Amino acid sequence: MSEPVRVARVLEQTTAEGPGERTAIWVQGCTIRCAGCFNPHLFGTRGGTLTDPADLVARVVAAGTSGVTLLGGEPFEQPAGLAVIAAGVQAAGLTVMTFTGYEYADLRTQAVEGNRAVAALLDHTDLLVAGPFRQDLVDHERPWLGSSNQEFRHLTDRLRDVSGPDRLEVIVTASGDVSVNGWADTDALDALLAGLPTRRTH
């Protein structure tokens, strides 16, 4: 059995987390802890659910989307299990987009120095979004990125088109719970959620 992944949330279908319609998997835990992060509740390693990567591959394939987006939290702090997911998703003919707060050069160094799990996750990622979020460099121009220092790294020839609108999705359940995915600064998020129930998860 592969190393389990501590999963915070899975969204079967979204158009806010990468090109086209995708399945998104948020992992729990991040030691980078960028100031102003949209998901600070995912910093700690408590919480989330330990999940078999094979179950997540099956869930992605069953969702009928064009691929999976891995984000968090910090995917490269759980690279072994996520590499299995990424490989399985690619084997099914789907694409993999991975977000990370680490710089691409640092991840490549880890891979070259023998971190097989990091190397495997890079090898099975089509589009990498790399770099820490910086509050002083907020980017309102490019889709899916939070700040202008972050970069798109095309690790395969797939997912070359990174144009398109930046979307924010708000889901309100019948019980009144509110979940938000995509990215927005605090002022825009507060304006969007004005008048909705105050209990929210991202």
N, C-alpha and C. Protein backbone atom coordinates (compact mmCIF):
# COMPACT_ATOMS: atom_id res chain seq x y z
N MET A 1 0.84 -1.19 0.00
CA MET A 1 0.00 0.00 0.00
C MET A 1 0.88 1.24 0.00
N SER A 2 0.53 2.23 -0.80
CA SER A 2 1.30 3.47 -0.89
C SER A 2 1.13 4.30 0.37
N GLU A 3 2.06 5.22 0.59
CA GLU A 3 1.97 6.12 1.74
C GLU A 3 0.70 6.95 1.64
N PRO A 4 -0.13 6.98 2.70
CA PRO A 4 -1.38 7.73 2.62
C PRO A 4 -1.14 9.24 2.57
N VAL A 5 -2.13 9.94 2.08
CA VAL A 5 -2.09 11.39 1.98
C VAL A 5 -3.07 11.98 2.98
N ARG A 6 -2.64 13.02 3.71
CA ARG A 6 -3.54 13.69 4.64
C ARG A 6 -4.33 14.74 3.85
N VAL A 7 -5.57 14.41 3.56
CA VAL A 7 -6.40 15.22 2.68
C VAL A 7 -7.34 16.10 3.50
N ALA A 8 -7.37 17.39 3.17
CA ALA A 8 -8.27 18.31 3.84
C ALA A 8 -9.62 18.40 3.14
N ARG A 9 -9.57 18.33 1.80
CA ARG A 9 -10.82 18.52 1.04
C ARG A 9 -10.63 17.99 -0.38
N VAL A 10 -11.69 17.45 -0.94
CA VAL A 10 -11.71 17.07 -2.36
C VAL A 10 -12.95 17.70 -2.98
N LEU A 11 -12.75 18.35 -4.12
CA LEU A 11 -13.86 18.91 -4.88
C LEU A 11 -13.86 18.23 -6.23
N GLU A 12 -14.90 17.45 -6.50
CA GLU A 12 -14.91 16.62 -7.71
C GLU A 12 -14.84 17.44 -9.00
N GLN A 13 -15.52 18.57 -9.03
CA GLN A 13 -15.56 19.37 -10.26
C GLN A 13 -15.44 20.85 -9.93
N THR A 14 -14.47 21.52 -10.55
CA THR A 14 -14.29 22.95 -10.36
C THR A 14 -13.69 23.56 -11.63
N THR A 15 -14.05 24.81 -11.90
CA THR A 15 -13.42 25.54 -12.99
C THR A 15 -12.57 26.69 -12.46
N ALA A 16 -12.31 26.70 -11.14
CA ALA A 16 -11.56 27.78 -10.51
C ALA A 16 -10.13 27.39 -10.15
N GLU A 17 -9.76 26.14 -10.35
CA GLU A 17 -8.45 25.67 -9.89
C GLU A 17 -7.60 25.13 -11.04
N GLY A 18 -7.55 25.90 -12.13
CA GLY A 18 -6.75 25.49 -13.27
C GLY A 18 -7.56 25.51 -14.54
N PRO A 19 -6.91 25.20 -15.67
CA PRO A 19 -7.60 25.27 -16.96
C PRO A 19 -8.65 24.18 -17.12
N GLY A 20 -9.80 24.55 -17.66
CA GLY A 20 -10.86 23.59 -17.90
C GLY A 20 -11.55 23.18 -16.61
N GLU A 21 -12.28 22.10 -16.68
CA GLU A 21 -12.93 21.55 -15.49
C GLU A 21 -12.01 20.52 -14.87
N ARG A 22 -11.75 20.66 -13.59
CA ARG A 22 -10.76 19.81 -12.93
C ARG A 22 -11.31 19.30 -11.60
N THR A 23 -10.66 18.26 -11.09
CA THR A 23 -10.89 17.81 -9.72
C THR A 23 -9.77 18.39 -8.87
N ALA A 24 -10.11 18.92 -7.71
CA ALA A 24 -9.10 19.55 -6.84
C ALA A 24 -8.97 18.77 -5.54
N ILE A 25 -7.72 18.57 -5.14
CA ILE A 25 -7.41 17.90 -3.87
C ILE A 25 -6.55 18.84 -3.04
N TRP A 26 -7.08 19.26 -1.89
CA TRP A 26 -6.32 20.07 -0.95
C TRP A 26 -5.72 19.16 0.12
N VAL A 27 -4.42 19.29 0.37
CA VAL A 27 -3.79 18.50 1.41
C VAL A 27 -3.66 19.34 2.68
N GLN A 28 -3.57 18.65 3.80
CA GLN A 28 -3.46 19.31 5.10
C GLN A 28 -1.99 19.38 5.52
N GLY A 29 -1.54 20.57 5.91
CA GLY A 29 -0.19 20.75 6.43
C GLY A 29 0.70 21.56 5.51
N CYS A 30 1.33 22.60 6.09
CA CYS A 30 2.28 23.44 5.34
C CYS A 30 3.18 24.16 6.32
N THR A 31 4.48 23.96 6.19
CA THR A 31 5.44 24.64 7.07
C THR A 31 5.90 25.97 6.51
N ILE A 32 5.57 26.28 5.25
CA ILE A 32 5.99 27.55 4.65
C ILE A 32 5.20 28.70 5.26
N ARG A 33 3.91 28.55 5.39
CA ARG A 33 3.03 29.48 6.09
C ARG A 33 3.17 30.92 5.60
N CYS A 34 2.94 31.14 4.33
CA CYS A 34 3.03 32.48 3.75
C CYS A 34 2.05 33.43 4.44
N ALA A 35 2.52 34.62 4.77
CA ALA A 35 1.64 35.64 5.34
C ALA A 35 0.58 36.00 4.31
N GLY A 36 -0.69 36.03 4.74
CA GLY A 36 -1.78 36.35 3.84
C GLY A 36 -2.30 35.18 3.04
N CYS A 37 -1.84 33.98 3.33
CA CYS A 37 -2.30 32.79 2.61
C CYS A 37 -3.83 32.69 2.65
N PHE A 38 -4.41 32.25 1.53
CA PHE A 38 -5.87 32.10 1.44
C PHE A 38 -6.36 30.91 2.26
N ASN A 39 -5.46 29.98 2.60
CA ASN A 39 -5.86 28.76 3.32
C ASN A 39 -5.06 28.54 4.60
N PRO A 40 -5.03 29.50 5.51
CA PRO A 40 -4.22 29.32 6.72
C PRO A 40 -4.70 28.17 7.61
N HIS A 41 -5.96 27.78 7.46
CA HIS A 41 -6.48 26.66 8.24
C HIS A 41 -5.87 25.33 7.81
N LEU A 42 -5.11 25.35 6.71
CA LEU A 42 -4.45 24.13 6.25
C LEU A 42 -2.98 24.07 6.65
N PHE A 43 -2.51 25.02 7.45
CA PHE A 43 -1.11 25.03 7.88
C PHE A 43 -0.78 23.83 8.77
N GLY A 44 -1.60 23.58 9.78
CA GLY A 44 -1.31 22.55 10.76
C GLY A 44 -1.48 21.15 10.21
N THR A 45 -0.77 20.20 10.80
CA THR A 45 -0.87 18.81 10.35
C THR A 45 -2.00 18.05 11.04
N ARG A 46 -2.61 18.68 12.04
CA ARG A 46 -3.79 18.06 12.63
C ARG A 46 -4.98 18.31 11.71
N GLY A 47 -5.90 17.39 11.73
CA GLY A 47 -7.04 17.51 10.85
C GLY A 47 -6.80 16.77 9.55
N GLY A 48 -7.74 16.89 8.66
CA GLY A 48 -7.64 16.15 7.42
C GLY A 48 -7.91 14.67 7.65
N THR A 49 -7.90 13.92 6.57
CA THR A 49 -8.18 12.49 6.63
C THR A 49 -7.09 11.74 5.88
N LEU A 50 -6.45 10.78 6.54
CA LEU A 50 -5.45 9.95 5.87
C LEU A 50 -6.17 9.07 4.84
N THR A 51 -5.73 9.19 3.59
CA THR A 51 -6.45 8.56 2.49
C THR A 51 -5.48 7.80 1.58
N ASP A 52 -5.89 6.62 1.16
CA ASP A 52 -5.08 5.81 0.26
C ASP A 52 -5.03 6.50 -1.12
N PRO A 53 -3.84 6.72 -1.67
CA PRO A 53 -3.74 7.35 -2.99
C PRO A 53 -4.56 6.66 -4.07
N ALA A 54 -4.65 5.34 -4.03
CA ALA A 54 -5.42 4.62 -5.04
C ALA A 54 -6.89 5.03 -5.01
N ASP A 55 -7.42 5.27 -3.81
CA ASP A 55 -8.81 5.70 -3.69
C ASP A 55 -9.00 7.08 -4.32
N LEU A 56 -7.99 7.94 -4.17
CA LEU A 56 -8.08 9.28 -4.74
C LEU A 56 -7.96 9.25 -6.26
N VAL A 57 -7.11 8.38 -6.79
CA VAL A 57 -7.02 8.22 -8.24
C VAL A 57 -8.38 7.80 -8.79
N ALA A 58 -9.00 6.82 -8.16
CA ALA A 58 -10.30 6.33 -8.61
C ALA A 58 -11.34 7.44 -8.56
N ARG A 59 -11.25 8.26 -7.53
CA ARG A 59 -12.21 9.36 -7.38
C ARG A 59 -12.04 10.41 -8.47
N VAL A 60 -10.79 10.71 -8.81
CA VAL A 60 -10.51 11.68 -9.88
C VAL A 60 -11.03 11.15 -11.22
N VAL A 61 -10.71 9.92 -11.52
CA VAL A 61 -11.13 9.33 -12.79
C VAL A 61 -12.65 9.28 -12.89
N ALA A 62 -13.30 8.91 -11.79
CA ALA A 62 -14.76 8.82 -11.78
C ALA A 62 -15.44 10.17 -11.94
N ALA A 63 -14.74 11.24 -11.59
CA ALA A 63 -15.34 12.58 -11.66
C ALA A 63 -15.56 13.04 -13.09
N GLY A 64 -14.82 12.46 -14.03
CA GLY A 64 -15.03 12.79 -15.43
C GLY A 64 -14.48 14.14 -15.85
N THR A 65 -13.52 14.67 -15.11
CA THR A 65 -12.91 15.95 -15.47
C THR A 65 -11.67 15.72 -16.32
N SER A 66 -10.99 16.82 -16.66
CA SER A 66 -9.80 16.70 -17.51
C SER A 66 -8.54 16.38 -16.72
N GLY A 67 -8.63 16.41 -15.40
CA GLY A 67 -7.45 16.11 -14.60
C GLY A 67 -7.59 16.55 -13.16
N VAL A 68 -6.47 16.56 -12.46
CA VAL A 68 -6.48 16.90 -11.04
C VAL A 68 -5.57 18.09 -10.78
N THR A 69 -5.97 18.91 -9.82
CA THR A 69 -5.12 19.98 -9.30
C THR A 69 -4.82 19.66 -7.86
N LEU A 70 -3.52 19.63 -7.52
CA LEU A 70 -3.06 19.35 -6.16
C LEU A 70 -2.64 20.66 -5.51
N LEU A 71 -3.21 20.95 -4.35
CA LEU A 71 -2.89 22.19 -3.66
C LEU A 71 -3.13 22.01 -2.18
N GLY A 72 -3.03 23.06 -1.43
CA GLY A 72 -3.16 22.86 0.00
C GLY A 72 -3.23 24.14 0.79
N GLY A 73 -2.53 24.02 1.96
CA GLY A 73 -1.48 23.09 2.35
C GLY A 73 -0.33 23.12 1.36
N GLU A 74 0.58 22.18 1.56
CA GLU A 74 1.77 22.13 0.69
C GLU A 74 1.96 20.71 0.13
N PRO A 75 1.66 20.51 -1.15
CA PRO A 75 1.80 19.18 -1.74
C PRO A 75 3.20 18.58 -1.62
N PHE A 76 4.24 19.40 -1.72
CA PHE A 76 5.59 18.84 -1.68
C PHE A 76 6.06 18.51 -0.27
N GLU A 77 5.20 18.64 0.70
CA GLU A 77 5.48 18.10 2.03
C GLU A 77 4.80 16.75 2.23
N GLN A 78 4.08 16.28 1.20
CA GLN A 78 3.54 14.92 1.15
C GLN A 78 3.78 14.34 -0.26
N PRO A 79 5.02 14.40 -0.74
CA PRO A 79 5.25 14.07 -2.15
C PRO A 79 5.09 12.61 -2.50
N ALA A 80 5.36 11.70 -1.58
CA ALA A 80 5.31 10.27 -1.93
C ALA A 80 3.90 9.85 -2.34
N GLY A 81 2.93 10.11 -1.49
CA GLY A 81 1.56 9.72 -1.80
C GLY A 81 1.00 10.49 -2.98
N LEU A 82 1.33 11.77 -3.06
CA LEU A 82 0.81 12.58 -4.17
C LEU A 82 1.43 12.19 -5.50
N ALA A 83 2.67 11.72 -5.48
CA ALA A 83 3.29 11.24 -6.72
C ALA A 83 2.55 10.01 -7.25
N VAL A 84 2.08 9.16 -6.35
CA VAL A 84 1.31 7.99 -6.77
C VAL A 84 -0.01 8.44 -7.40
N ILE A 85 -0.65 9.44 -6.79
CA ILE A 85 -1.89 9.97 -7.35
C ILE A 85 -1.63 10.56 -8.74
N ALA A 86 -0.60 11.40 -8.83
CA ALA A 86 -0.28 12.06 -10.10
C ALA A 86 0.01 11.03 -11.19
N ALA A 87 0.78 10.01 -10.86
CA ALA A 87 1.11 8.98 -11.85
C ALA A 87 -0.13 8.23 -12.29
N GLY A 88 -1.01 7.92 -11.35
CA GLY A 88 -2.23 7.21 -11.68
C GLY A 88 -3.16 8.03 -12.55
N VAL A 89 -3.25 9.32 -12.25
CA VAL A 89 -4.10 10.21 -13.03
C VAL A 89 -3.55 10.34 -14.46
N GLN A 90 -2.25 10.50 -14.60
CA GLN A 90 -1.65 10.58 -15.94
C GLN A 90 -1.83 9.27 -16.71
N ALA A 91 -1.71 8.16 -16.01
CA ALA A 91 -1.88 6.86 -16.67
C ALA A 91 -3.30 6.70 -17.23
N ALA A 92 -4.26 7.41 -16.62
CA ALA A 92 -5.64 7.38 -17.10
C ALA A 92 -5.87 8.38 -18.24
N GLY A 93 -4.79 9.07 -18.67
CA GLY A 93 -4.90 10.01 -19.77
C GLY A 93 -5.31 11.41 -19.37
N LEU A 94 -5.24 11.70 -18.08
CA LEU A 94 -5.64 13.01 -17.56
C LEU A 94 -4.41 13.83 -17.17
N THR A 95 -4.61 15.10 -16.89
CA THR A 95 -3.50 16.00 -16.59
C THR A 95 -3.38 16.30 -15.11
N VAL A 96 -2.18 16.76 -14.73
CA VAL A 96 -1.88 17.06 -13.33
C VAL A 96 -1.31 18.47 -13.22
N MET A 97 -1.95 19.28 -12.39
CA MET A 97 -1.46 20.61 -12.06
C MET A 97 -1.17 20.63 -10.57
N THR A 98 0.02 21.12 -10.19
CA THR A 98 0.40 21.12 -8.78
C THR A 98 0.83 22.52 -8.36
N PHE A 99 0.29 22.98 -7.23
CA PHE A 99 0.69 24.24 -6.63
C PHE A 99 1.70 23.99 -5.53
N THR A 100 2.70 24.86 -5.41
CA THR A 100 3.68 24.75 -4.33
C THR A 100 4.17 26.12 -3.91
N GLY A 101 4.45 26.25 -2.63
CA GLY A 101 5.06 27.48 -2.11
C GLY A 101 6.58 27.45 -2.23
N TYR A 102 7.14 26.33 -2.66
CA TYR A 102 8.59 26.23 -2.84
C TYR A 102 8.99 26.75 -4.22
N GLU A 103 10.20 27.24 -4.32
CA GLU A 103 10.73 27.64 -5.62
C GLU A 103 11.07 26.38 -6.43
N TYR A 104 10.87 26.47 -7.72
CA TYR A 104 11.14 25.32 -8.59
C TYR A 104 12.60 24.88 -8.48
N ALA A 105 13.53 25.83 -8.45
CA ALA A 105 14.95 25.48 -8.37
C ALA A 105 15.25 24.68 -7.11
N ASP A 106 14.60 25.01 -6.01
CA ASP A 106 14.83 24.28 -4.75
C ASP A 106 14.30 22.85 -4.85
N LEU A 107 13.15 22.69 -5.50
CA LEU A 107 12.61 21.34 -5.67
C LEU A 107 13.49 20.50 -6.58
N ARG A 108 14.01 21.11 -7.65
CA ARG A 108 14.91 20.39 -8.55
C ARG A 108 16.17 19.96 -7.81
N THR A 109 16.68 20.83 -6.94
CA THR A 109 17.86 20.49 -6.15
C THR A 109 17.58 19.29 -5.26
N GLN A 110 16.42 19.30 -4.60
CA GLN A 110 16.06 18.15 -3.76
C GLN A 110 16.00 16.86 -4.59
N ALA A 111 15.42 16.96 -5.77
CA ALA A 111 15.30 15.79 -6.64
C ALA A 111 16.67 15.27 -7.06
N VAL A 112 17.54 16.18 -7.48
CA VAL A 112 18.89 15.80 -7.92
C VAL A 112 19.69 15.20 -6.77
N GLU A 113 19.47 15.69 -5.57
CA GLU A 113 20.21 15.21 -4.40
C GLU A 113 19.64 13.92 -3.84
N GLY A 114 18.64 13.35 -4.49
CA GLY A 114 18.19 12.01 -4.12
C GLY A 114 16.83 11.90 -3.47
N ASN A 115 16.07 12.99 -3.40
CA ASN A 115 14.72 12.89 -2.84
C ASN A 115 13.81 12.32 -3.93
N ARG A 116 13.62 11.01 -3.88
CA ARG A 116 12.89 10.32 -4.94
C ARG A 116 11.43 10.71 -4.98
N ALA A 117 10.84 11.00 -3.83
CA ALA A 117 9.43 11.36 -3.81
C ALA A 117 9.19 12.70 -4.48
N VAL A 118 10.05 13.67 -4.19
CA VAL A 118 9.94 14.98 -4.83
C VAL A 118 10.17 14.83 -6.34
N ALA A 119 11.19 14.06 -6.72
CA ALA A 119 11.47 13.82 -8.14
C ALA A 119 10.27 13.20 -8.83
N ALA A 120 9.62 12.24 -8.17
CA ALA A 120 8.48 11.55 -8.78
C ALA A 120 7.29 12.48 -8.96
N LEU A 121 7.04 13.34 -7.96
CA LEU A 121 5.92 14.27 -8.10
C LEU A 121 6.18 15.28 -9.21
N LEU A 122 7.41 15.75 -9.32
CA LEU A 122 7.76 16.63 -10.43
C LEU A 122 7.60 15.90 -11.77
N ASP A 123 8.06 14.66 -11.83
CA ASP A 123 8.00 13.89 -13.07
C ASP A 123 6.57 13.66 -13.55
N HIS A 124 5.62 13.63 -12.61
CA HIS A 124 4.22 13.35 -12.96
C HIS A 124 3.33 14.58 -12.84
N THR A 125 3.94 15.76 -12.87
CA THR A 125 3.20 17.01 -12.90
C THR A 125 3.34 17.62 -14.28
N ASP A 126 2.22 18.00 -14.89
CA ASP A 126 2.25 18.65 -16.19
C ASP A 126 2.52 20.15 -16.06
N LEU A 127 1.80 20.78 -15.14
CA LEU A 127 1.94 22.22 -14.93
C LEU A 127 2.16 22.48 -13.45
N LEU A 128 3.29 23.12 -13.13
CA LEU A 128 3.64 23.45 -11.76
C LEU A 128 3.48 24.95 -11.56
N VAL A 129 2.80 25.33 -10.49
CA VAL A 129 2.74 26.73 -10.08
C VAL A 129 3.62 26.85 -8.85
N ALA A 130 4.74 27.57 -8.98
CA ALA A 130 5.77 27.54 -7.95
C ALA A 130 6.06 28.92 -7.37
N GLY A 131 6.40 28.92 -6.08
CA GLY A 131 6.82 30.14 -5.41
C GLY A 131 5.88 30.49 -4.27
N PRO A 132 6.41 31.14 -3.23
CA PRO A 132 5.58 31.52 -2.09
C PRO A 132 4.67 32.69 -2.43
N PHE A 133 3.53 32.76 -1.76
CA PHE A 133 2.65 33.91 -1.91
C PHE A 133 3.25 35.11 -1.17
N ARG A 134 3.25 36.26 -1.86
CA ARG A 134 3.74 37.50 -1.23
C ARG A 134 2.64 38.56 -1.28
N GLN A 135 2.26 39.04 -0.10
CA GLN A 135 1.19 40.03 0.00
C GLN A 135 1.52 41.34 -0.71
N ASP A 136 2.82 41.65 -0.79
CA ASP A 136 3.22 42.92 -1.41
C ASP A 136 3.27 42.85 -2.93
N LEU A 137 3.03 41.66 -3.49
CA LEU A 137 3.11 41.48 -4.94
C LEU A 137 1.85 40.83 -5.50
N VAL A 138 0.69 41.20 -4.96
CA VAL A 138 -0.56 40.58 -5.39
C VAL A 138 -0.74 40.72 -6.90
N ASP A 139 -1.10 39.61 -7.55
CA ASP A 139 -1.24 39.55 -9.00
C ASP A 139 -2.72 39.42 -9.36
N HIS A 140 -3.27 40.46 -10.00
CA HIS A 140 -4.66 40.42 -10.44
C HIS A 140 -4.78 40.13 -11.93
N GLU A 141 -3.65 39.89 -12.60
CA GLU A 141 -3.66 39.73 -14.06
C GLU A 141 -3.69 38.28 -14.50
N ARG A 142 -2.86 37.43 -13.92
CA ARG A 142 -2.77 36.05 -14.38
C ARG A 142 -3.73 35.16 -13.60
N PRO A 143 -4.36 34.20 -14.28
CA PRO A 143 -5.29 33.33 -13.57
C PRO A 143 -4.55 32.37 -12.62
N TRP A 144 -5.23 32.07 -11.50
CA TRP A 144 -4.85 31.03 -10.54
C TRP A 144 -3.67 31.38 -9.65
N LEU A 145 -2.91 32.43 -9.96
CA LEU A 145 -1.77 32.81 -9.13
C LEU A 145 -2.17 33.87 -8.13
N GLY A 146 -1.46 33.90 -6.99
CA GLY A 146 -1.75 34.91 -5.99
C GLY A 146 -0.85 36.12 -6.06
N SER A 147 0.42 35.93 -6.46
CA SER A 147 1.36 37.05 -6.48
C SER A 147 2.29 36.94 -7.69
N SER A 148 2.84 38.09 -8.08
CA SER A 148 3.58 38.17 -9.34
C SER A 148 4.91 37.43 -9.33
N ASN A 149 5.44 37.09 -8.16
CA ASN A 149 6.69 36.33 -8.09
C ASN A 149 6.47 34.86 -8.43
N GLN A 150 5.24 34.38 -8.33
CA GLN A 150 4.96 32.98 -8.61
C GLN A 150 5.03 32.72 -10.11
N GLU A 151 5.40 31.51 -10.48
CA GLU A 151 5.62 31.21 -11.89
C GLU A 151 4.94 29.94 -12.33
N PHE A 152 4.57 29.92 -13.60
CA PHE A 152 4.11 28.70 -14.25
C PHE A 152 5.33 27.97 -14.78
N ARG A 153 5.45 26.69 -14.46
CA ARG A 153 6.51 25.84 -15.00
C ARG A 153 5.85 24.70 -15.76
N HIS A 154 6.05 24.68 -17.07
CA HIS A 154 5.49 23.63 -17.90
C HIS A 154 6.47 22.45 -17.91
N LEU A 155 6.13 21.40 -17.19
CA LEU A 155 7.03 20.26 -17.05
C LEU A 155 6.78 19.20 -18.12
N THR A 156 5.66 19.33 -18.83
CA THR A 156 5.38 18.53 -20.02
C THR A 156 4.78 19.46 -21.07
N ASP A 157 4.45 18.92 -22.23
CA ASP A 157 3.84 19.72 -23.29
C ASP A 157 2.34 19.87 -23.11
N ARG A 158 1.80 19.29 -22.06
CA ARG A 158 0.36 19.39 -21.82
C ARG A 158 0.07 20.63 -20.96
N LEU A 159 -1.15 21.10 -20.98
CA LEU A 159 -1.58 22.28 -20.22
C LEU A 159 -0.74 23.51 -20.56
N ARG A 160 -0.42 23.66 -21.84
CA ARG A 160 0.37 24.81 -22.28
C ARG A 160 -0.43 26.11 -22.23
N ASP A 161 -1.74 26.02 -22.39
CA ASP A 161 -2.56 27.23 -22.41
C ASP A 161 -2.94 27.62 -20.98
N VAL A 162 -2.32 28.67 -20.49
CA VAL A 162 -2.62 29.13 -19.13
C VAL A 162 -3.37 30.45 -19.16
N SER A 163 -4.04 30.71 -20.28
CA SER A 163 -4.86 31.91 -20.37
C SER A 163 -6.26 31.60 -19.87
N GLY A 164 -7.05 32.64 -19.70
CA GLY A 164 -8.42 32.45 -19.26
C GLY A 164 -8.73 33.27 -18.05
N PRO A 165 -9.99 33.32 -17.66
CA PRO A 165 -10.40 34.16 -16.53
C PRO A 165 -10.00 33.53 -15.19
N ASP A 166 -9.76 34.39 -14.23
CA ASP A 166 -9.55 33.94 -12.86
C ASP A 166 -10.92 33.82 -12.22
N ARG A 167 -11.24 32.68 -11.68
CA ARG A 167 -12.58 32.45 -11.13
C ARG A 167 -12.52 32.23 -9.63
N LEU A 168 -13.61 32.62 -8.98
CA LEU A 168 -13.80 32.33 -7.57
C LEU A 168 -15.14 31.63 -7.46
N GLU A 169 -15.14 30.46 -6.85
CA GLU A 169 -16.38 29.70 -6.70
C GLU A 169 -16.82 29.73 -5.24
N VAL A 170 -18.09 30.01 -5.04
CA VAL A 170 -18.69 29.99 -3.71
C VAL A 170 -19.81 28.96 -3.71
N ILE A 171 -19.72 28.02 -2.80
CA ILE A 171 -20.73 26.97 -2.70
C ILE A 171 -21.46 27.13 -1.37
N VAL A 172 -22.77 27.25 -1.43
CA VAL A 172 -23.60 27.36 -0.23
C VAL A 172 -24.48 26.12 -0.16
N THR A 173 -24.33 25.35 0.91
CA THR A 173 -25.11 24.12 1.06
C THR A 173 -26.51 24.44 1.58
N ALA A 174 -27.37 23.44 1.55
CA ALA A 174 -28.74 23.61 2.04
C ALA A 174 -28.77 23.96 3.52
N SER A 175 -27.72 23.54 4.25
CA SER A 175 -27.66 23.84 5.69
C SER A 175 -27.05 25.21 5.97
N GLY A 176 -26.61 25.90 4.91
CA GLY A 176 -26.07 27.25 5.10
C GLY A 176 -24.56 27.33 5.20
N ASP A 177 -23.86 26.19 5.10
CA ASP A 177 -22.40 26.23 5.12
C ASP A 177 -21.89 26.84 3.82
N VAL A 178 -20.82 27.63 3.93
CA VAL A 178 -20.25 28.30 2.77
C VAL A 178 -18.83 27.82 2.57
N SER A 179 -18.50 27.39 1.34
CA SER A 179 -17.13 27.04 1.01
C SER A 179 -16.70 27.88 -0.18
N VAL A 180 -15.41 28.26 -0.20
CA VAL A 180 -14.88 29.11 -1.25
C VAL A 180 -13.64 28.47 -1.82
N ASN A 181 -13.53 28.46 -3.15
CA ASN A 181 -12.27 28.05 -3.76
C ASN A 181 -11.96 28.95 -4.92
N GLY A 182 -10.69 28.95 -5.33
CA GLY A 182 -10.16 29.99 -6.20
C GLY A 182 -9.35 30.91 -5.32
N TRP A 183 -9.10 32.13 -5.79
CA TRP A 183 -8.31 33.06 -4.99
C TRP A 183 -8.90 34.45 -5.09
N ALA A 184 -8.93 35.16 -3.96
CA ALA A 184 -9.34 36.57 -3.93
C ALA A 184 -8.67 37.23 -2.75
N ASP A 185 -8.40 38.55 -2.87
CA ASP A 185 -7.85 39.24 -1.72
C ASP A 185 -8.96 39.45 -0.69
N THR A 186 -8.59 39.85 0.51
CA THR A 186 -9.54 39.92 1.62
C THR A 186 -10.70 40.85 1.32
N ASP A 187 -10.45 42.03 0.75
CA ASP A 187 -11.51 42.99 0.48
C ASP A 187 -12.52 42.43 -0.52
N ALA A 188 -12.03 41.79 -1.58
CA ALA A 188 -12.92 41.22 -2.58
C ALA A 188 -13.74 40.08 -1.99
N LEU A 189 -13.12 39.27 -1.16
CA LEU A 189 -13.82 38.15 -0.54
C LEU A 189 -14.89 38.64 0.41
N ASP A 190 -14.58 39.64 1.22
CA ASP A 190 -15.56 40.19 2.15
C ASP A 190 -16.75 40.78 1.41
N ALA A 191 -16.48 41.48 0.30
CA ALA A 191 -17.57 42.07 -0.49
C ALA A 191 -18.45 40.98 -1.09
N LEU A 192 -17.81 39.92 -1.57
CA LEU A 192 -18.55 38.82 -2.19
C LEU A 192 -19.45 38.11 -1.20
N LEU A 193 -18.94 37.93 0.02
CA LEU A 193 -19.67 37.15 1.02
C LEU A 193 -20.58 37.99 1.89
N ALA A 194 -20.64 39.28 1.65
CA ALA A 194 -21.49 40.16 2.46
C ALA A 194 -22.94 39.67 2.42
N GLY A 195 -23.51 39.48 3.58
CA GLY A 195 -24.90 39.05 3.66
C GLY A 195 -25.08 37.55 3.71
N LEU A 196 -24.00 36.79 3.42
CA LEU A 196 -24.12 35.33 3.53
C LEU A 196 -23.82 34.91 4.96
N PRO A 197 -24.16 33.67 5.33
CA PRO A 197 -23.83 33.19 6.69
C PRO A 197 -22.35 33.35 6.96
N THR A 198 -21.98 33.63 8.20
CA THR A 198 -20.59 33.93 8.53
C THR A 198 -19.74 32.69 8.68
N ARG A 199 -20.33 31.52 8.83
CA ARG A 199 -19.56 30.29 8.95
C ARG A 199 -19.04 29.91 7.57
N ARG A 200 -17.72 29.82 7.38
CA ARG A 200 -17.17 29.53 6.05
C ARG A 200 -15.95 28.64 6.14
N THR A 201 -15.70 27.91 5.09
CA THR A 201 -14.46 27.15 4.93
C THR A 201 -13.93 27.44 3.55
N HIS A 202 -12.62 27.34 3.37
CA HIS A 202 -12.01 27.63 2.07
C HIS A 202 -11.55 26.34 1.43
